[in-house]
Amino acid sequence: MNNQTIFARISPFRDSRFVILFWLFVFIVILAIAAYVAAHVPYSKSYFVIMFFIAMGLTTVPAAFSLCQHVFENWTKLFPVFVLQQSEGAVGFFLQELRFFSGDRHMFASGVFIAVVACVSYAMGDVFSPYGTTGKVFGCIIVFFSACAGGMGLYAVFCGSRAVWRLGKHFDVRVAAHKFGVMSTGVVLLKSYIVIAIVFSFYVLSVLITEQVALKSEKLLSLPMLTLSIPALLFFAASFIVCQIPLHRQMRHFKQRRLVDIEAMLDELVTRSMSDLSPEVIEQVEFLRKERVAVLKLPEWPFGMKISFAVLLSSATSVWPIVLNTLMVAATQQSLSVLMGWGAHRP
């Protein structure tokens, strides 16, 4: 299938190599303008750094779209391993679900909504207040487009989760403990979440790396932090679990059906052979009992503990700058307290 993503369609080029160069060019242009504006506003270094991370957020979203699309499309190659019936139909169904990467009006609406929320949050949080009128205007323009791209990315996370949900709702699955079956679901989602979380951390850094944040600890819980980072962390973690609930139910149904079949075979085998338990029959009974134990040990969720822990860490990537900055501020305040206490006790 390999449809072009919305960001590849925005680019004037169709070759994927030139698409990457186009967004690199956009990044360089934003930095060049930011450098010019920074030279004419107070705290020029702080302003340039914050614009650098906002531009990084904007220009890395297209790469995240392409990588996630590639991961999901490659995953369909494993469908014959764990989809019980009509695996070709499941592949076609899932590829149709992935059309959201090409963009639609809902994706644009989500992007614009997040962009408006981000601009209001940045304005009310006084992120650009030290940088004069020019710095505010240019900063708000770049924040709008960058947050719009980020909002489209969040909508893509929702659509990807919805695709996994619908796969579990419409198709029965075969359960096996190896990573090439249904257990690959968690791995695929983890890869996508890591890419998205890394991109999203640029937006968080854009707020933290400023003169104000460095000097005022109360800014750690500023409006941009509360409206961007915390909801994203909750959304990533919740969507990972919720989207796999139908697959979880399918896995439980598979185990139940398999256990019922084994019990039926055991009952029939023992009933027919009550008078003559030959070594051959005993061997069959032992095999079925071992099979029953093996089925009981099969997983009931399409991810293991390691994957769930890794997803939690990748989701926390969206707020790791806050945690780091909190520790730095706390350490600084502790050092100042120690020095002031030492000075107070000097003769």
C-alpha atoms as a PDB file:
ATOM      1  CA  MET A   1       0.000   0.000   0.000  1.00  0.00           C
ATOM      2  CA  ASN A   2       2.557   2.571   1.223  1.00  0.00           C
ATOM      3  CA  ASN A   3       0.408   5.705   0.776  1.00  0.00           C
ATOM      4  CA  GLN A   4       2.180   8.995   1.242  1.00  0.00           C
ATOM      5  CA  THR A   5       1.811  10.658   4.610  1.00  0.00           C
ATOM      6  CA  ILE A   6       0.172  14.059   4.884  1.00  0.00           C
ATOM      7  CA  PHE A   7       3.561  15.687   5.408  1.00  0.00           C
ATOM      8  CA  ALA A   8       4.967  14.064   2.273  1.00  0.00           C
ATOM      9  CA  ARG A   9       1.959  15.426   0.365  1.00  0.00           C
ATOM     10  CA  ILE A  10       2.598  18.932   1.729  1.00  0.00           C
ATOM     11  CA  SER A  11       6.126  18.762   0.380  1.00  0.00           C
ATOM     12  CA  PRO A  12       6.523  19.826  -3.269  1.00  0.00           C
ATOM     13  CA  PHE A  13       8.530  16.638  -3.883  1.00  0.00           C
ATOM     14  CA  ARG A  14       7.390  13.016  -4.162  1.00  0.00           C
ATOM     15  CA  ASP A  15      10.700  11.218  -3.702  1.00  0.00           C
ATOM     16  CA  SER A  16      11.088  10.360   0.004  1.00  0.00           C
ATOM     17  CA  ARG A  17      14.720  11.525   0.019  1.00  0.00           C
ATOM     18  CA  PHE A  18      13.741  14.996  -1.220  1.00  0.00           C
ATOM     19  CA  VAL A  19      10.845  15.108   1.263  1.00  0.00           C
ATOM     20  CA  ILE A  20      13.368  14.759   4.101  1.00  0.00           C
ATOM     21  CA  LEU A  21      15.512  17.490   2.563  1.00  0.00           C
ATOM     22  CA  PHE A  22      12.461  19.735   2.255  1.00  0.00           C
ATOM     23  CA  TRP A  23      11.648  19.533   5.969  1.00  0.00           C
ATOM     24  CA  LEU A  24      15.335  20.011   6.784  1.00  0.00           C
ATOM     25  CA  PHE A  25      15.205  23.168   4.672  1.00  0.00           C
ATOM     26  CA  VAL A  26      12.124  24.336   6.627  1.00  0.00           C
ATOM     27  CA  PHE A  27      14.038  23.767   9.864  1.00  0.00           C
ATOM     28  CA  ILE A  28      17.016  25.808   8.637  1.00  0.00           C
ATOM     29  CA  VAL A  29      14.775  28.662   7.459  1.00  0.00           C
ATOM     30  CA  ILE A  30      13.019  28.836  10.837  1.00  0.00           C
ATOM     31  CA  LEU A  31      16.366  28.890  12.636  1.00  0.00           C
ATOM     32  CA  ALA A  32      17.687  31.623  10.337  1.00  0.00           C
ATOM     33  CA  ILE A  33      14.670  33.834  11.019  1.00  0.00           C
ATOM     34  CA  ALA A  34      14.827  32.990  14.733  1.00  0.00           C
ATOM     35  CA  ALA A  35      18.500  34.023  14.814  1.00  0.00           C
ATOM     36  CA  TYR A  36      17.654  37.340  13.183  1.00  0.00           C
ATOM     37  CA  VAL A  37      14.766  38.005  15.608  1.00  0.00           C
ATOM     38  CA  ALA A  38      16.863  36.880  18.595  1.00  0.00           C
ATOM     39  CA  ALA A  39      19.494  39.473  17.733  1.00  0.00           C
ATOM     40  CA  HIS A  40      16.904  42.205  18.303  1.00  0.00           C
ATOM     41  CA  VAL A  41      15.182  41.001  21.495  1.00  0.00           C
ATOM     42  CA  PRO A  42      16.251  40.709  25.158  1.00  0.00           C
ATOM     43  CA  TYR A  43      17.639  37.352  26.303  1.00  0.00           C
ATOM     44  CA  SER A  44      18.634  36.505  22.728  1.00  0.00           C
ATOM     45  CA  LYS A  45      20.289  33.177  23.574  1.00  0.00           C
ATOM     46  CA  SER A  46      17.273  31.990  25.533  1.00  0.00           C
ATOM     47  CA  TYR A  47      14.932  33.004  22.718  1.00  0.00           C
ATOM     48  CA  PHE A  48      16.978  31.227  20.058  1.00  0.00           C
ATOM     49  CA  VAL A  49      17.124  28.012  22.086  1.00  0.00           C
ATOM     50  CA  ILE A  50      13.394  27.930  22.703  1.00  0.00           C
ATOM     51  CA  MET A  51      12.738  28.501  18.997  1.00  0.00           C
ATOM     52  CA  PHE A  52      15.243  25.778  18.166  1.00  0.00           C
ATOM     53  CA  PHE A  53      13.253  23.180  20.104  1.00  0.00           C
ATOM     54  CA  ILE A  54       9.912  24.367  18.748  1.00  0.00           C
ATOM     55  CA  ALA A  55      11.329  24.064  15.218  1.00  0.00           C
ATOM     56  CA  MET A  56      12.650  20.599  16.085  1.00  0.00           C
ATOM     57  CA  GLY A  57       9.168  19.583  17.155  1.00  0.00           C
ATOM     58  CA  LEU A  58       7.670  20.854  13.903  1.00  0.00           C
ATOM     59  CA  THR A  59      10.203  19.305  11.535  1.00  0.00           C
ATOM     60  CA  THR A  60      10.554  15.909  13.236  1.00  0.00           C
ATOM     61  CA  VAL A  61       6.821  15.121  13.180  1.00  0.00           C
ATOM     62  CA  PRO A  62       6.977  14.272   9.424  1.00  0.00           C
ATOM     63  CA  ALA A  63       9.765  11.766  10.104  1.00  0.00           C
ATOM     64  CA  ALA A  64       7.732  10.273  12.967  1.00  0.00           C
ATOM     65  CA  PHE A  65       4.747   9.831  10.624  1.00  0.00           C
ATOM     66  CA  SER A  66       6.856   7.994   8.047  1.00  0.00           C
ATOM     67  CA  LEU A  67       8.519   5.748  10.624  1.00  0.00           C
ATOM     68  CA  CYS A  68       5.251   4.799  12.325  1.00  0.00           C
ATOM     69  CA  GLN A  69       3.562   4.098   8.999  1.00  0.00           C
ATOM     70  CA  HIS A  70       6.458   1.827   8.042  1.00  0.00           C
ATOM     71  CA  VAL A  71       6.264  -0.021  11.382  1.00  0.00           C
ATOM     72  CA  PHE A  72       2.525  -0.646  11.089  1.00  0.00           C
ATOM     73  CA  GLU A  73       2.679  -1.743   7.443  1.00  0.00           C
ATOM     74  CA  ASN A  74       5.507  -4.182   8.179  1.00  0.00           C
ATOM     75  CA  TRP A  75       3.480  -5.617  11.072  1.00  0.00           C
ATOM     76  CA  THR A  76       0.832  -6.855   8.622  1.00  0.00           C
ATOM     77  CA  LYS A  77       3.372  -9.394   7.335  1.00  0.00           C
ATOM     78  CA  LEU A  78       2.934 -11.256  10.639  1.00  0.00           C
ATOM     79  CA  PHE A  79      -0.864 -11.458  10.413  1.00  0.00           C
ATOM     80  CA  PRO A  80      -0.848 -14.969   8.818  1.00  0.00           C
ATOM     81  CA  VAL A  81       0.996 -16.180  11.922  1.00  0.00           C
ATOM     82  CA  PHE A  82      -1.670 -15.226  14.457  1.00  0.00           C
ATOM     83  CA  VAL A  83      -4.896 -14.352  12.618  1.00  0.00           C
ATOM     84  CA  LEU A  84      -6.943 -17.564  12.590  1.00  0.00           C
ATOM     85  CA  GLN A  85      -9.149 -16.993   9.557  1.00  0.00           C
ATOM     86  CA  GLN A  86      -8.984 -14.764   6.489  1.00  0.00           C
ATOM     87  CA  SER A  87      -5.507 -13.421   7.241  1.00  0.00           C
ATOM     88  CA  GLU A  88      -5.405 -11.791   3.793  1.00  0.00           C
ATOM     89  CA  GLY A  89      -8.666 -10.046   4.616  1.00  0.00           C
ATOM     90  CA  ALA A  90      -7.154  -8.897   7.906  1.00  0.00           C
ATOM     91  CA  VAL A  91      -4.174  -7.408   6.066  1.00  0.00           C
ATOM     92  CA  GLY A  92      -6.406  -5.517   3.662  1.00  0.00           C
ATOM     93  CA  PHE A  93      -8.659  -4.385   6.494  1.00  0.00           C
ATOM     94  CA  PHE A  94      -5.749  -3.069   8.547  1.00  0.00           C
ATOM     95  CA  LEU A  95      -4.096  -1.302   5.616  1.00  0.00           C
ATOM     96  CA  GLN A  96      -7.388   0.488   4.990  1.00  0.00           C
ATOM     97  CA  GLU A  97      -7.376   1.568   8.629  1.00  0.00           C
ATOM     98  CA  LEU A  98      -3.935   3.103   8.076  1.00  0.00           C
ATOM     99  CA  ARG A  99      -5.239   5.593   5.514  1.00  0.00           C
ATOM    100  CA  PHE A 100      -5.287   8.213   8.279  1.00  0.00           C
ATOM    101  CA  PHE A 101      -1.550   8.745   7.682  1.00  0.00           C
ATOM    102  CA  SER A 102      -2.518  10.510   4.453  1.00  0.00           C
ATOM    103  CA  GLY A 103      -4.543  13.042   6.431  1.00  0.00           C
ATOM    104  CA  ASP A 104      -8.225  13.958   6.572  1.00  0.00           C
ATOM    105  CA  ARG A 105     -10.363  16.819   7.848  1.00  0.00           C
ATOM    106  CA  HIS A 106     -10.471  15.335  11.347  1.00  0.00           C
ATOM    107  CA  MET A 107      -6.684  15.303  11.501  1.00  0.00           C
ATOM    108  CA  PHE A 108      -6.514  18.933  10.372  1.00  0.00           C
ATOM    109  CA  ALA A 109      -9.196  19.913  12.873  1.00  0.00           C
ATOM    110  CA  SER A 110      -7.289  18.189  15.684  1.00  0.00           C
ATOM    111  CA  GLY A 111      -4.095  19.964  14.657  1.00  0.00           C
ATOM    112  CA  VAL A 112      -5.745  23.377  14.608  1.00  0.00           C
ATOM    113  CA  PHE A 113      -7.418  22.742  17.968  1.00  0.00           C
ATOM    114  CA  ILE A 114      -4.127  21.770  19.634  1.00  0.00           C
ATOM    115  CA  ALA A 115      -2.425  24.749  17.967  1.00  0.00           C
ATOM    116  CA  VAL A 116      -4.965  27.161  19.421  1.00  0.00           C
ATOM    117  CA  VAL A 117      -4.666  25.567  22.875  1.00  0.00           C
ATOM    118  CA  ALA A 118      -0.868  25.755  22.682  1.00  0.00           C
ATOM    119  CA  CYS A 119      -0.850  29.417  21.628  1.00  0.00           C
ATOM    120  CA  VAL A 120      -3.243  30.359  24.420  1.00  0.00           C
ATOM    121  CA  SER A 121      -1.208  28.352  26.929  1.00  0.00           C
ATOM    122  CA  TYR A 122       2.087  29.919  25.841  1.00  0.00           C
ATOM    123  CA  ALA A 123       0.528  33.388  25.980  1.00  0.00           C
ATOM    124  CA  MET A 124      -1.111  32.926  29.384  1.00  0.00           C
ATOM    125  CA  GLY A 125       2.039  31.219  30.672  1.00  0.00           C
ATOM    126  CA  ASP A 126       4.121  34.288  29.725  1.00  0.00           C
ATOM    127  CA  VAL A 127       6.620  32.110  27.871  1.00  0.00           C
ATOM    128  CA  PHE A 128       7.410  34.897  25.364  1.00  0.00           C
ATOM    129  CA  SER A 129       6.846  37.881  27.676  1.00  0.00           C
ATOM    130  CA  PRO A 130      10.569  38.810  28.073  1.00  0.00           C
ATOM    131  CA  TYR A 131      11.225  38.888  24.313  1.00  0.00           C
ATOM    132  CA  GLY A 132       9.363  41.974  23.133  1.00  0.00           C
ATOM    133  CA  THR A 133       6.632  42.336  20.534  1.00  0.00           C
ATOM    134  CA  THR A 134       8.659  40.945  17.633  1.00  0.00           C
ATOM    135  CA  GLY A 135       9.705  37.907  19.636  1.00  0.00           C
ATOM    136  CA  LYS A 136       6.120  37.282  20.726  1.00  0.00           C
ATOM    137  CA  VAL A 137       4.663  37.517  17.224  1.00  0.00           C
ATOM    138  CA  PHE A 138       7.231  35.269  15.555  1.00  0.00           C
ATOM    139  CA  GLY A 139       7.172  32.859  18.503  1.00  0.00           C
ATOM    140  CA  CYS A 140       3.374  32.520  18.386  1.00  0.00           C
ATOM    141  CA  ILE A 141       3.440  31.918  14.612  1.00  0.00           C
ATOM    142  CA  ILE A 142       5.965  29.084  14.921  1.00  0.00           C
ATOM    143  CA  VAL A 143       4.203  27.672  17.992  1.00  0.00           C
ATOM    144  CA  PHE A 144       0.946  27.583  16.033  1.00  0.00           C
ATOM    145  CA  PHE A 145       2.361  25.585  13.114  1.00  0.00           C
ATOM    146  CA  SER A 146       4.502  23.380  15.343  1.00  0.00           C
ATOM    147  CA  ALA A 147       1.625  22.597  17.707  1.00  0.00           C
ATOM    148  CA  CYS A 148      -0.622  21.962  14.713  1.00  0.00           C
ATOM    149  CA  ALA A 149       1.827  19.305  13.522  1.00  0.00           C
ATOM    150  CA  GLY A 150       1.993  17.907  17.053  1.00  0.00           C
ATOM    151  CA  GLY A 151      -1.804  17.818  17.263  1.00  0.00           C
ATOM    152  CA  MET A 152      -1.954  15.895  14.001  1.00  0.00           C
ATOM    153  CA  GLY A 153       0.544  13.488  15.530  1.00  0.00           C
ATOM    154  CA  LEU A 154      -1.663  12.977  18.587  1.00  0.00           C
ATOM    155  CA  TYR A 155      -4.616  12.308  16.303  1.00  0.00           C
ATOM    156  CA  ALA A 156      -2.472   9.742  14.470  1.00  0.00           C
ATOM    157  CA  VAL A 157      -1.785   8.017  17.806  1.00  0.00           C
ATOM    158  CA  PHE A 158      -5.544   7.827  18.364  1.00  0.00           C
ATOM    159  CA  CYS A 159      -6.138   6.425  14.861  1.00  0.00           C
ATOM    160  CA  GLY A 160      -3.343   3.871  15.202  1.00  0.00           C
ATOM    161  CA  SER A 161      -4.790   2.728  18.516  1.00  0.00           C
ATOM    162  CA  ARG A 162      -8.239   2.555  16.923  1.00  0.00           C
ATOM    163  CA  ALA A 163      -6.859   0.377  14.118  1.00  0.00           C
ATOM    164  CA  VAL A 164      -5.472  -2.117  16.639  1.00  0.00           C
ATOM    165  CA  TRP A 165      -8.787  -2.039  18.534  1.00  0.00           C
ATOM    166  CA  ARG A 166     -10.784  -2.787  15.376  1.00  0.00           C
ATOM    167  CA  LEU A 167      -8.423  -5.597  14.382  1.00  0.00           C
ATOM    168  CA  GLY A 168      -9.193  -7.325  17.672  1.00  0.00           C
ATOM    169  CA  LYS A 169     -12.927  -6.689  17.281  1.00  0.00           C
ATOM    170  CA  HIS A 170     -13.205  -8.234  13.808  1.00  0.00           C
ATOM    171  CA  PHE A 171     -10.717 -11.110  13.728  1.00  0.00           C
ATOM    172  CA  ASP A 172     -10.003 -14.162  15.870  1.00  0.00           C
ATOM    173  CA  VAL A 173      -6.392 -14.737  16.861  1.00  0.00           C
ATOM    174  CA  ARG A 174      -4.128 -17.641  17.658  1.00  0.00           C
ATOM    175  CA  VAL A 175      -2.146 -17.316  20.887  1.00  0.00           C
ATOM    176  CA  ALA A 176       1.518 -18.263  21.167  1.00  0.00           C
ATOM    177  CA  ALA A 177       4.234 -17.054  23.512  1.00  0.00           C
ATOM    178  CA  HIS A 178       6.767 -16.186  20.782  1.00  0.00           C
ATOM    179  CA  LYS A 179       7.277 -12.598  19.621  1.00  0.00           C
ATOM    180  CA  PHE A 180       6.247 -13.216  16.007  1.00  0.00           C
ATOM    181  CA  GLY A 181       2.599 -13.875  16.823  1.00  0.00           C
ATOM    182  CA  VAL A 182      -0.003 -11.806  18.589  1.00  0.00           C
ATOM    183  CA  MET A 183       2.627 -10.786  21.150  1.00  0.00           C
ATOM    184  CA  SER A 184       4.189  -8.624  18.432  1.00  0.00           C
ATOM    185  CA  THR A 185       1.350  -6.132  18.986  1.00  0.00           C
ATOM    186  CA  GLY A 186       2.974  -4.656  22.078  1.00  0.00           C
ATOM    187  CA  VAL A 187       6.336  -4.411  20.328  1.00  0.00           C
ATOM    188  CA  VAL A 188       4.829  -2.535  17.368  1.00  0.00           C
ATOM    189  CA  LEU A 189       3.047  -0.072  19.626  1.00  0.00           C
ATOM    190  CA  LEU A 190       6.187   0.398  21.713  1.00  0.00           C
ATOM    191  CA  LYS A 191       8.247   1.316  18.638  1.00  0.00           C
ATOM    192  CA  SER A 192       5.652   3.884  17.622  1.00  0.00           C
ATOM    193  CA  TYR A 193       5.341   5.337  21.108  1.00  0.00           C
ATOM    194  CA  ILE A 194       9.104   5.742  21.476  1.00  0.00           C
ATOM    195  CA  VAL A 195       9.283   7.751  18.247  1.00  0.00           C
ATOM    196  CA  ILE A 196       6.295   9.909  19.208  1.00  0.00           C
ATOM    197  CA  ALA A 197       7.482  10.484  22.775  1.00  0.00           C
ATOM    198  CA  ILE A 198      10.938  11.608  21.643  1.00  0.00           C
ATOM    199  CA  VAL A 199       9.391  14.107  19.232  1.00  0.00           C
ATOM    200  CA  PHE A 200       6.999  15.342  21.901  1.00  0.00           C
ATOM    201  CA  SER A 201       9.837  15.967  24.350  1.00  0.00           C
ATOM    202  CA  PHE A 202      11.046  18.766  22.063  1.00  0.00           C
ATOM    203  CA  TYR A 203       7.829  20.655  22.776  1.00  0.00           C
ATOM    204  CA  VAL A 204       8.397  20.298  26.521  1.00  0.00           C
ATOM    205  CA  LEU A 205      11.997  21.453  26.221  1.00  0.00           C
ATOM    206  CA  SER A 206      10.853  24.514  24.299  1.00  0.00           C
ATOM    207  CA  VAL A 207       9.105  25.723  27.453  1.00  0.00           C
ATOM    208  CA  LEU A 208      11.765  24.742  29.953  1.00  0.00           C
ATOM    209  CA  ILE A 209      14.878  26.109  28.260  1.00  0.00           C
ATOM    210  CA  THR A 210      14.220  29.793  28.956  1.00  0.00           C
ATOM    211  CA  GLU A 211      15.514  32.419  31.318  1.00  0.00           C
ATOM    212  CA  GLN A 212      12.216  32.506  33.180  1.00  0.00           C
ATOM    213  CA  VAL A 213      12.072  28.778  33.859  1.00  0.00           C
ATOM    214  CA  ALA A 214      15.671  28.723  34.996  1.00  0.00           C
ATOM    215  CA  LEU A 215      15.029  31.508  37.470  1.00  0.00           C
ATOM    216  CA  LYS A 216      11.478  30.791  38.684  1.00  0.00           C
ATOM    217  CA  SER A 217      10.697  27.345  40.034  1.00  0.00           C
ATOM    218  CA  GLU A 218       6.960  28.032  39.989  1.00  0.00           C
ATOM    219  CA  LYS A 219       7.121  27.858  36.194  1.00  0.00           C
ATOM    220  CA  LEU A 220       7.634  24.103  36.484  1.00  0.00           C
ATOM    221  CA  LEU A 221       3.857  23.810  36.734  1.00  0.00           C
ATOM    222  CA  SER A 222       3.099  26.505  34.188  1.00  0.00           C
ATOM    223  CA  LEU A 223       0.049  26.386  31.946  1.00  0.00           C
ATOM    224  CA  PRO A 224       1.924  24.998  28.900  1.00  0.00           C
ATOM    225  CA  MET A 225       3.207  22.156  31.081  1.00  0.00           C
ATOM    226  CA  LEU A 226      -0.252  21.312  32.369  1.00  0.00           C
ATOM    227  CA  THR A 227      -1.935  21.532  28.963  1.00  0.00           C
ATOM    228  CA  LEU A 228       0.737  19.743  26.903  1.00  0.00           C
ATOM    229  CA  SER A 229       2.852  17.294  28.899  1.00  0.00           C
ATOM    230  CA  ILE A 230       0.574  15.781  31.544  1.00  0.00           C
ATOM    231  CA  PRO A 231      -2.379  15.039  29.202  1.00  0.00           C
ATOM    232  CA  ALA A 232       0.022  13.504  26.661  1.00  0.00           C
ATOM    233  CA  LEU A 233       1.534  11.211  29.293  1.00  0.00           C
ATOM    234  CA  LEU A 234      -1.911  10.001  30.368  1.00  0.00           C
ATOM    235  CA  PHE A 235      -3.074   9.659  26.761  1.00  0.00           C
ATOM    236  CA  PHE A 236      -0.076   7.556  25.687  1.00  0.00           C
ATOM    237  CA  ALA A 237      -0.326   5.201  28.659  1.00  0.00           C
ATOM    238  CA  ALA A 238      -4.120   4.809  28.470  1.00  0.00           C
ATOM    239  CA  SER A 239      -4.281   4.295  24.707  1.00  0.00           C
ATOM    240  CA  PHE A 240      -1.671   1.519  24.867  1.00  0.00           C
ATOM    241  CA  ILE A 241      -3.853  -0.511  27.239  1.00  0.00           C
ATOM    242  CA  VAL A 242      -7.298   0.356  25.909  1.00  0.00           C
ATOM    243  CA  CYS A 243      -6.568  -0.350  22.243  1.00  0.00           C
ATOM    244  CA  GLN A 244      -5.491  -3.908  23.070  1.00  0.00           C
ATOM    245  CA  ILE A 245      -8.549  -4.868  25.118  1.00  0.00           C
ATOM    246  CA  PRO A 246     -10.300  -6.563  22.144  1.00  0.00           C
ATOM    247  CA  LEU A 247      -7.150  -8.572  21.389  1.00  0.00           C
ATOM    248  CA  HIS A 248      -6.981  -9.471  25.079  1.00  0.00           C
ATOM    249  CA  ARG A 249     -10.540 -10.822  24.871  1.00  0.00           C
ATOM    250  CA  GLN A 250      -9.735 -12.753  21.708  1.00  0.00           C
ATOM    251  CA  MET A 251      -6.715 -14.297  23.405  1.00  0.00           C
ATOM    252  CA  ARG A 252      -8.837 -15.372  26.372  1.00  0.00           C
ATOM    253  CA  HIS A 253     -11.455 -16.850  24.034  1.00  0.00           C
ATOM    254  CA  PHE A 254      -8.752 -18.792  22.196  1.00  0.00           C
ATOM    255  CA  LYS A 255      -7.459 -20.245  25.451  1.00  0.00           C
ATOM    256  CA  GLN A 256     -10.971 -21.124  26.620  1.00  0.00           C
ATOM    257  CA  ARG A 257     -11.828 -22.841  23.327  1.00  0.00           C
ATOM    258  CA  ARG A 258      -8.557 -24.735  23.352  1.00  0.00           C
ATOM    259  CA  LEU A 259      -9.064 -25.864  26.962  1.00  0.00           C
ATOM    260  CA  VAL A 260     -12.619 -27.014  26.218  1.00  0.00           C
ATOM    261  CA  ASP A 261     -11.335 -29.053  23.260  1.00  0.00           C
ATOM    262  CA  ILE A 262      -8.597 -30.651  25.376  1.00  0.00           C
ATOM    263  CA  GLU A 263     -11.001 -31.493  28.186  1.00  0.00           C
ATOM    264  CA  ALA A 264     -13.441 -33.025  25.682  1.00  0.00           C
ATOM    265  CA  MET A 265     -10.695 -35.156  24.160  1.00  0.00           C
ATOM    266  CA  LEU A 266      -9.527 -36.262  27.603  1.00  0.00           C
ATOM    267  CA  ASP A 267     -13.039 -37.193  28.691  1.00  0.00           C
ATOM    268  CA  GLU A 268     -13.682 -39.128  25.511  1.00  0.00           C
ATOM    269  CA  LEU A 269     -10.329 -40.859  25.656  1.00  0.00           C
ATOM    270  CA  VAL A 270     -10.664 -41.888  29.294  1.00  0.00           C
ATOM    271  CA  THR A 271     -14.336 -42.934  28.921  1.00  0.00           C
ATOM    272  CA  ARG A 272     -13.646 -45.148  25.925  1.00  0.00           C
ATOM    273  CA  SER A 273     -10.570 -46.700  27.504  1.00  0.00           C
ATOM    274  CA  MET A 274     -11.704 -47.277  31.065  1.00  0.00           C
ATOM    275  CA  SER A 275     -11.512 -51.040  30.641  1.00  0.00           C
ATOM    276  CA  ASP A 276      -8.263 -51.047  28.721  1.00  0.00           C
ATOM    277  CA  LEU A 277      -5.719 -48.367  29.596  1.00  0.00           C
ATOM    278  CA  SER A 278      -3.031 -49.415  27.158  1.00  0.00           C
ATOM    279  CA  PRO A 279       0.391 -47.727  27.158  1.00  0.00           C
ATOM    280  CA  GLU A 280      -0.642 -45.958  23.984  1.00  0.00           C
ATOM    281  CA  VAL A 281      -3.753 -44.491  25.626  1.00  0.00           C
ATOM    282  CA  ILE A 282      -1.813 -43.497  28.740  1.00  0.00           C
ATOM    283  CA  GLU A 283       0.715 -41.703  26.539  1.00  0.00           C
ATOM    284  CA  GLN A 284      -2.090 -39.793  24.792  1.00  0.00           C
ATOM    285  CA  VAL A 285      -3.619 -38.806  28.133  1.00  0.00           C
ATOM    286  CA  GLU A 286      -0.280 -37.530  29.421  1.00  0.00           C
ATOM    287  CA  PHE A 287       0.256 -35.563  26.237  1.00  0.00           C
ATOM    288  CA  LEU A 288      -3.136 -33.882  26.549  1.00  0.00           C
ATOM    289  CA  ARG A 289      -2.542 -33.064  30.194  1.00  0.00           C
ATOM    290  CA  LYS A 290       0.763 -31.437  29.341  1.00  0.00           C
ATOM    291  CA  GLU A 291      -0.961 -29.580  26.528  1.00  0.00           C
ATOM    292  CA  ARG A 292      -3.560 -28.324  29.005  1.00  0.00           C
ATOM    293  CA  VAL A 293      -0.829 -27.000  31.291  1.00  0.00           C
ATOM    294  CA  ALA A 294       0.875 -25.309  28.331  1.00  0.00           C
ATOM    295  CA  VAL A 295      -2.379 -23.632  27.272  1.00  0.00           C
ATOM    296  CA  LEU A 296      -2.999 -22.376  30.803  1.00  0.00           C
ATOM    297  CA  LYS A 297       0.432 -20.721  30.726  1.00  0.00           C
ATOM    298  CA  LEU A 298      -0.258 -18.863  27.481  1.00  0.00           C
ATOM    299  CA  PRO A 299      -0.397 -15.068  27.838  1.00  0.00           C
ATOM    300  CA  GLU A 300      -3.734 -13.254  27.901  1.00  0.00           C
ATOM    301  CA  TRP A 301      -2.450  -9.813  26.899  1.00  0.00           C
ATOM    302  CA  PRO A 302      -0.554  -9.091  23.644  1.00  0.00           C
ATOM    303  CA  PHE A 303       2.412  -7.629  25.535  1.00  0.00           C
ATOM    304  CA  GLY A 304       4.677  -8.715  28.369  1.00  0.00           C
ATOM    305  CA  MET A 305       5.805  -6.946  31.516  1.00  0.00           C
ATOM    306  CA  LYS A 306       8.989  -5.724  29.849  1.00  0.00           C
ATOM    307  CA  ILE A 307       7.016  -4.114  27.043  1.00  0.00           C
ATOM    308  CA  SER A 308       4.544  -2.468  29.431  1.00  0.00           C
ATOM    309  CA  PHE A 309       7.415  -1.063  31.495  1.00  0.00           C
ATOM    310  CA  ALA A 310       9.139   0.190  28.347  1.00  0.00           C
ATOM    311  CA  VAL A 311       5.920   1.885  27.181  1.00  0.00           C
ATOM    312  CA  LEU A 312       5.598   3.590  30.549  1.00  0.00           C
ATOM    313  CA  LEU A 313       9.155   4.875  30.222  1.00  0.00           C
ATOM    314  CA  SER A 314       8.599   6.064  26.654  1.00  0.00           C
ATOM    315  CA  SER A 315       5.396   7.837  27.725  1.00  0.00           C
ATOM    316  CA  ALA A 316       7.328   9.485  30.560  1.00  0.00           C
ATOM    317  CA  THR A 317       9.729  10.829  27.926  1.00  0.00           C
ATOM    318  CA  SER A 318       7.159  13.567  27.334  1.00  0.00           C
ATOM    319  CA  VAL A 319       7.716  14.882  30.867  1.00  0.00           C
ATOM    320  CA  TRP A 320      11.335  13.928  31.574  1.00  0.00           C
ATOM    321  CA  PRO A 321      12.565  17.510  31.088  1.00  0.00           C
ATOM    322  CA  ILE A 322      10.184  18.617  33.853  1.00  0.00           C
ATOM    323  CA  VAL A 323      11.523  15.964  36.215  1.00  0.00           C
ATOM    324  CA  LEU A 324      15.123  16.850  35.362  1.00  0.00           C
ATOM    325  CA  ASN A 325      14.541  20.543  35.808  1.00  0.00           C
ATOM    326  CA  THR A 326      12.722  19.947  39.101  1.00  0.00           C
ATOM    327  CA  LEU A 327      15.724  18.035  40.414  1.00  0.00           C
ATOM    328  CA  MET A 328      18.089  20.770  39.254  1.00  0.00           C
ATOM    329  CA  VAL A 329      16.023  23.495  40.901  1.00  0.00           C
ATOM    330  CA  ALA A 330      15.724  21.467  44.100  1.00  0.00           C
ATOM    331  CA  ALA A 331      19.482  20.845  44.140  1.00  0.00           C
ATOM    332  CA  THR A 332      20.184  24.541  43.577  1.00  0.00           C
ATOM    333  CA  GLN A 333      17.833  25.593  46.364  1.00  0.00           C
ATOM    334  CA  GLN A 334      19.386  23.021  48.701  1.00  0.00           C
ATOM    335  CA  SER A 335      22.869  24.285  47.898  1.00  0.00           C
ATOM    336  CA  LEU A 336      21.808  27.880  48.548  1.00  0.00           C
ATOM    337  CA  SER A 337      20.248  26.861  51.874  1.00  0.00           C
ATOM    338  CA  VAL A 338      23.453  25.125  52.930  1.00  0.00           C
ATOM    339  CA  LEU A 339      25.594  28.115  51.942  1.00  0.00           C
ATOM    340  CA  MET A 340      23.284  30.575  53.711  1.00  0.00           C
ATOM    341  CA  GLY A 341      23.289  28.390  56.820  1.00  0.00           C
ATOM    342  CA  TRP A 342      27.069  28.142  56.728  1.00  0.00           C
ATOM    343  CA  GLY A 343      27.337  31.932  56.342  1.00  0.00           C
ATOM    344  CA  ALA A 344      24.950  32.567  59.228  1.00  0.00           C
ATOM    345  CA  HIS A 345      27.108  30.498  61.599  1.00  0.00           C
ATOM    346  CA  ARG A 346      30.377  32.169  60.688  1.00  0.00           C
ATOM    347  CA  PRO A 347      31.824  34.289  63.538  1.00  0.00           C
END
